[in-house]
Amino acid sequence: MNYILIYSVKAKIQKVIILFYVPFDLLIWLFLIWITKRIMRYKHKTEHKKQKNSLKDGQ
């Protein structure tokens, strides 16, 4: 009887951990993707500005 109880408690704990861990993992991934996108956009903007400046210098 005790073994079954312990097993069910362990299973419940595992379920809770999975429920908390999976969304947390997804949030981390989304955060990382968001940061990389921001960095890429920032780099693109700075490169674009450099290109504009070089065009002005060329004229």
N, C-alpha and C. Protein backbone atom coordinates (compact mmCIF):
# COMPACT_ATOMS: atom_id res chain seq x y z
N MET A 1 0.84 -1.21 0.00
CA MET A 1 0.00 0.00 0.00
C MET A 1 0.87 1.25 0.00
N ASN A 2 1.88 1.26 0.86
CA ASN A 2 2.74 2.43 0.94
C ASN A 2 3.47 2.69 -0.37
N TYR A 3 3.88 1.60 -1.03
CA TYR A 3 4.59 1.74 -2.31
C TYR A 3 3.72 2.45 -3.34
N ILE A 4 2.43 2.08 -3.37
CA ILE A 4 1.51 2.69 -4.34
C ILE A 4 1.37 4.18 -4.03
N LEU A 5 1.25 4.50 -2.76
CA LEU A 5 1.11 5.90 -2.35
C LEU A 5 2.34 6.70 -2.76
N ILE A 6 3.51 6.16 -2.45
CA ILE A 6 4.76 6.84 -2.81
C ILE A 6 4.84 7.02 -4.32
N TYR A 7 4.47 5.98 -5.06
CA TYR A 7 4.53 6.04 -6.52
C TYR A 7 3.60 7.13 -7.05
N SER A 8 2.38 7.19 -6.50
CA SER A 8 1.42 8.19 -6.97
C SER A 8 1.91 9.60 -6.65
N VAL A 9 2.50 9.75 -5.47
CA VAL A 9 3.04 11.06 -5.09
C VAL A 9 4.17 11.46 -6.04
N LYS A 10 5.05 10.49 -6.33
CA LYS A 10 6.15 10.75 -7.26
C LYS A 10 5.62 11.13 -8.63
N ALA A 11 4.60 10.42 -9.08
CA ALA A 11 4.00 10.69 -10.39
C ALA A 11 3.41 12.10 -10.41
N LYS A 12 2.72 12.47 -9.32
CA LYS A 12 2.14 13.81 -9.24
C LYS A 12 3.23 14.86 -9.28
N ILE A 13 4.29 14.65 -8.53
CA ILE A 13 5.40 15.60 -8.51
C ILE A 13 6.00 15.74 -9.91
N GLN A 14 6.20 14.60 -10.58
CA GLN A 14 6.74 14.62 -11.94
C GLN A 14 5.83 15.41 -12.87
N LYS A 15 4.52 15.19 -12.74
CA LYS A 15 3.56 15.92 -13.58
C LYS A 15 3.68 17.41 -13.33
N VAL A 16 3.76 17.79 -12.07
CA VAL A 16 3.87 19.21 -11.72
C VAL A 16 5.16 19.79 -12.30
N ILE A 17 6.25 19.04 -12.15
CA ILE A 17 7.54 19.49 -12.68
C ILE A 17 7.45 19.68 -14.18
N ILE A 18 6.84 18.72 -14.87
CA ILE A 18 6.70 18.82 -16.33
C ILE A 18 5.84 20.03 -16.67
N LEU A 19 4.73 20.20 -15.95
CA LEU A 19 3.84 21.33 -16.23
C LEU A 19 4.56 22.65 -16.05
N PHE A 20 5.41 22.75 -15.03
CA PHE A 20 6.14 23.99 -14.81
C PHE A 20 7.33 24.13 -15.76
N TYR A 21 7.99 23.01 -15.99
CA TYR A 21 9.25 23.05 -16.73
C TYR A 21 9.05 23.31 -18.22
N VAL A 22 8.04 22.67 -18.81
CA VAL A 22 7.86 22.80 -20.26
C VAL A 22 7.55 24.24 -20.66
N PRO A 23 6.56 24.91 -20.05
CA PRO A 23 6.32 26.30 -20.42
C PRO A 23 7.54 27.18 -20.15
N PHE A 24 8.24 26.89 -19.06
CA PHE A 24 9.43 27.66 -18.72
C PHE A 24 10.47 27.52 -19.83
N ASP A 25 10.65 26.29 -20.29
CA ASP A 25 11.59 26.01 -21.39
C ASP A 25 11.18 26.78 -22.64
N LEU A 26 9.89 26.74 -22.96
CA LEU A 26 9.39 27.45 -24.14
C LEU A 26 9.61 28.94 -23.99
N LEU A 27 9.36 29.47 -22.79
CA LEU A 27 9.58 30.90 -22.55
C LEU A 27 11.04 31.26 -22.78
N ILE A 28 11.95 30.42 -22.28
CA ILE A 28 13.38 30.68 -22.47
C ILE A 28 13.70 30.70 -23.95
N TRP A 29 13.18 29.73 -24.71
CA TRP A 29 13.45 29.68 -26.15
C TRP A 29 12.90 30.91 -26.84
N LEU A 30 11.66 31.29 -26.50
CA LEU A 30 11.07 32.48 -27.12
C LEU A 30 11.89 33.72 -26.79
N PHE A 31 12.35 33.81 -25.54
CA PHE A 31 13.16 34.94 -25.11
C PHE A 31 14.46 34.99 -25.91
N LEU A 32 15.11 33.84 -26.07
CA LEU A 32 16.37 33.78 -26.84
C LEU A 32 16.13 34.17 -28.29
N ILE A 33 15.06 33.66 -28.88
CA ILE A 33 14.74 34.00 -30.27
C ILE A 33 14.48 35.49 -30.39
N TRP A 34 13.73 36.06 -29.44
CA TRP A 34 13.41 37.49 -29.45
C TRP A 34 14.69 38.31 -29.38
N ILE A 35 15.59 37.92 -28.46
CA ILE A 35 16.86 38.64 -28.31
C ILE A 35 17.67 38.58 -29.60
N THR A 36 17.77 37.39 -30.19
CA THR A 36 18.55 37.26 -31.42
C THR A 36 17.94 38.09 -32.54
N LYS A 37 16.61 38.10 -32.62
CA LYS A 37 15.95 38.92 -33.64
C LYS A 37 16.24 40.39 -33.42
N ARG A 38 16.18 40.83 -32.17
CA ARG A 38 16.47 42.23 -31.86
C ARG A 38 17.90 42.58 -32.26
N ILE A 39 18.83 41.69 -31.93
CA ILE A 39 20.24 41.93 -32.24
C ILE A 39 20.42 42.00 -33.76
N MET A 40 19.82 41.06 -34.48
CA MET A 40 19.94 41.05 -35.94
C MET A 40 19.35 42.32 -36.53
N ARG A 41 18.20 42.74 -36.02
CA ARG A 41 17.55 43.95 -36.52
C ARG A 41 18.44 45.16 -36.25
N TYR A 42 19.00 45.21 -35.05
CA TYR A 42 19.88 46.32 -34.68
C TYR A 42 21.09 46.37 -35.61
N LYS A 43 21.70 45.20 -35.85
CA LYS A 43 22.85 45.13 -36.75
C LYS A 43 22.45 45.58 -38.15
N HIS A 44 21.29 45.13 -38.60
CA HIS A 44 20.80 45.49 -39.92
C HIS A 44 20.61 47.00 -40.02
N LYS A 45 20.04 47.60 -38.97
CA LYS A 45 19.82 49.05 -38.96
C LYS A 45 21.14 49.79 -39.03
N THR A 46 22.11 49.37 -38.23
CA THR A 46 23.40 50.06 -38.22
C THR A 46 24.09 49.91 -39.57
N GLU A 47 23.99 48.72 -40.17
CA GLU A 47 24.58 48.51 -41.49
C GLU A 47 23.89 49.39 -42.52
N HIS A 48 22.58 49.50 -42.42
CA HIS A 48 21.80 50.31 -43.34
C HIS A 48 22.23 51.78 -43.22
N LYS A 49 22.40 52.24 -41.98
CA LYS A 49 22.85 53.62 -41.75
C LYS A 49 24.22 53.83 -42.37
N LYS A 50 25.11 52.87 -42.18
CA LYS A 50 26.46 52.96 -42.76
C LYS A 50 26.37 53.05 -44.28
N GLN A 51 25.51 52.24 -44.88
CA GLN A 51 25.34 52.26 -46.33
C GLN A 51 24.83 53.63 -46.78
N LYS A 52 23.86 54.17 -46.07
CA LYS A 52 23.31 55.50 -46.41
C LYS A 52 24.41 56.55 -46.32
N ASN A 53 25.18 56.49 -45.24
CA ASN A 53 26.26 57.45 -45.06
C ASN A 53 27.29 57.33 -46.17
N SER A 54 27.62 56.11 -46.56
CA SER A 54 28.61 55.91 -47.61
C SER A 54 28.06 56.43 -48.94
N LEU A 55 26.76 56.28 -49.16
CA LEU A 55 26.15 56.81 -50.39
C LEU A 55 26.24 58.33 -50.40
N LYS A 56 25.99 58.95 -49.25
CA LYS A 56 26.09 60.41 -49.15
C LYS A 56 27.52 60.85 -49.42
N ASP A 57 28.47 60.13 -48.86
CA ASP A 57 29.88 60.46 -49.08
C ASP A 57 30.24 60.29 -50.56
N GLY A 58 29.66 59.28 -51.20
CA GLY A 58 29.94 59.01 -52.61
C GLY A 58 29.45 60.15 -53.49
N GLN A 59 28.31 60.74 -53.14
CA GLN A 59 27.78 61.85 -53.93
C GLN A 59 28.60 63.05 -53.64
